[in-house]
């Protein structure tokens, strides 16, 4: 067996299988926009999960397409800008009812899997 086969998976590798669970969980707490989601995920993971735009936005679009997320746009203006038409757009994401249901299902599945795996582990390593 090679040394590579014995290495623990990285946080990024672990995230791949749980990306929807992580994003739905973060958005269950409050509606957020992309950059705020990346900050929240990094903070909750102790910096272990760092979402790049190339990873985050395709996931958000997929969850939205599947009806798990709802979104709305907001125009963000600089404090010295009075022109309502000028400003950058920020897309906010929030869970839909279907998203809340999926989150509950994913949490239950994760806990069941965790419990099953625990049954194979020795009391002391």
Protein backbone atom coordinates (compact mmCIF):
# COMPACT_ATOMS: atom_id res chain seq x y z
CA UNK A 1 0.00 0.00 0.00
CA UNK A 2 1.44 3.39 -0.96
CA UNK A 3 1.94 6.27 1.47
CA UNK A 4 -0.67 8.24 -0.53
CA UNK A 5 -3.29 5.61 0.29
CA UNK A 6 -2.60 6.09 4.01
CA UNK A 7 -2.92 9.88 4.05
CA UNK A 8 -5.96 11.44 5.69
CA UNK A 9 -8.28 13.22 3.29
CA UNK A 10 -7.86 16.97 3.16
CA UNK A 11 -10.69 19.25 4.29
CA UNK A 12 -11.30 20.09 0.63
CA UNK A 13 -11.70 16.38 -0.20
CA UNK A 14 -14.08 15.89 2.72
CA UNK A 15 -16.04 18.97 1.64
CA UNK A 16 -16.72 17.54 -1.83
CA UNK A 17 -19.09 14.91 -0.48
CA UNK A 18 -20.78 17.31 1.91
CA UNK A 19 -20.88 20.54 -0.04
CA UNK A 20 -24.67 20.75 -0.17
CA UNK A 21 -24.92 19.96 3.55
CA UNK A 22 -22.42 22.70 4.40
CA UNK A 23 -24.04 25.36 2.20
CA UNK A 24 -27.60 24.53 3.24
CA UNK A 25 -26.55 24.57 6.91
CA UNK A 26 -24.93 27.98 6.62
CA UNK A 27 -27.93 29.41 4.78
CA UNK A 28 -30.34 27.92 7.35
CA UNK A 29 -28.95 30.41 9.86
CA UNK A 30 -29.61 33.49 7.74
CA UNK A 31 -29.76 34.68 4.13
CA UNK A 32 -26.28 35.49 2.84
CA UNK A 33 -24.55 36.64 -0.34
CA UNK A 34 -21.59 34.84 -1.91
CA UNK A 35 -18.69 36.55 -0.16
CA UNK A 36 -20.47 36.31 3.21
CA UNK A 37 -21.00 32.58 2.61
CA UNK A 38 -17.28 32.07 2.01
CA UNK A 39 -16.46 33.95 5.20
CA UNK A 40 -19.02 31.98 7.24
CA UNK A 41 -17.81 28.61 5.93
CA UNK A 42 -14.17 29.52 6.59
CA UNK A 43 -15.00 30.70 10.12
CA UNK A 44 -17.08 27.61 10.99
CA UNK A 45 -14.40 25.27 9.60
CA UNK A 46 -11.55 27.03 11.39
CA UNK A 47 -10.21 28.08 8.00
CA UNK A 48 -10.03 24.48 6.74
CA UNK A 49 -12.60 25.07 3.99
CA UNK A 50 -11.91 28.00 1.71
CA UNK A 51 -14.48 28.37 -1.04
CA UNK A 52 -13.25 29.93 -4.24
CA UNK A 53 -15.77 31.59 -6.56
CA UNK A 54 -15.19 28.75 -9.04
CA UNK A 55 -16.43 26.25 -6.46
CA UNK A 56 -19.05 28.31 -4.64
CA UNK A 57 -21.10 29.81 -7.45
CA UNK A 58 -21.66 26.61 -9.46
CA UNK A 59 -22.86 24.96 -6.22
CA UNK A 60 -25.18 27.85 -5.44
CA UNK A 61 -26.57 27.83 -8.99
CA UNK A 62 -27.16 24.07 -8.84
CA UNK A 63 -28.96 24.33 -5.48
CA UNK A 64 -31.04 27.22 -6.81
CA UNK A 65 -31.87 25.34 -10.02
CA UNK A 66 -32.98 22.35 -7.92
CA UNK A 67 -35.35 24.61 -5.97
CA UNK A 68 -33.43 24.34 -2.69
CA UNK A 69 -32.45 28.02 -2.65
CA UNK A 70 -34.25 31.24 -3.44
CA UNK A 71 -32.42 34.40 -4.36
CA UNK A 72 -32.92 38.13 -4.64
CA UNK A 73 -30.80 41.02 -5.85
CA UNK A 74 -29.76 44.11 -3.94
CA UNK A 75 -27.97 47.19 -5.21
CA UNK A 76 -25.07 48.12 -2.98
CA UNK A 77 -23.97 51.73 -3.05
CA UNK A 78 -20.89 53.43 -1.73
CA UNK A 79 -21.71 55.85 1.11
CA UNK A 80 -20.82 58.85 -1.07
CA UNK A 81 -23.03 57.73 -3.99
CA UNK A 82 -26.62 59.08 -4.03
CA UNK A 83 -27.45 57.68 -7.48
CA UNK A 84 -29.82 54.71 -6.94
CA UNK A 85 -29.14 53.38 -10.44
CA UNK A 86 -25.40 53.23 -9.91
CA UNK A 87 -24.00 50.62 -7.65
CA UNK A 88 -22.96 47.03 -7.77
CA UNK A 89 -25.43 44.18 -7.55
CA UNK A 90 -25.32 41.63 -4.74
CA UNK A 91 -27.27 38.37 -4.95
CA UNK A 92 -28.66 37.08 -1.66
CA UNK A 93 -29.45 33.39 -1.16
CA UNK A 94 -31.87 31.83 1.32
CA UNK A 95 -33.32 28.38 1.86
CA UNK A 96 -36.63 27.48 0.29
CA UNK A 97 -39.06 25.14 2.04
CA UNK A 98 -37.68 22.37 -0.17
CA UNK A 99 -34.16 23.37 0.91
CA UNK A 100 -35.09 23.12 4.60
CA UNK A 101 -36.53 19.66 3.99
CA UNK A 102 -33.39 18.57 2.10
CA UNK A 103 -31.20 19.93 4.89
CA UNK A 104 -33.09 17.87 7.47
CA UNK A 105 -32.70 14.77 5.26
CA UNK A 106 -28.97 15.38 4.76
CA UNK A 107 -28.41 15.93 8.50
CA UNK A 108 -30.23 12.68 9.32
CA UNK A 109 -28.25 10.78 6.65
CA UNK A 110 -24.96 12.25 7.85
CA UNK A 111 -25.66 11.33 11.47
CA UNK A 112 -26.71 7.80 10.50
CA UNK A 113 -23.53 7.36 8.45
CA UNK A 114 -21.41 8.76 11.27
CA UNK A 115 -23.03 6.37 13.76
CA UNK A 116 -22.47 3.41 11.45
CA UNK A 117 -18.79 4.27 10.92
CA UNK A 118 -18.32 4.74 14.68
CA UNK A 119 -19.48 1.14 15.22
CA UNK A 120 -16.36 -0.04 13.36
CA UNK A 121 -13.86 2.05 15.29
CA UNK A 122 -12.06 0.74 18.34
CA UNK A 123 -12.65 2.53 21.64
CA UNK A 124 -9.00 3.57 21.63
CA UNK A 125 -6.77 4.08 18.66
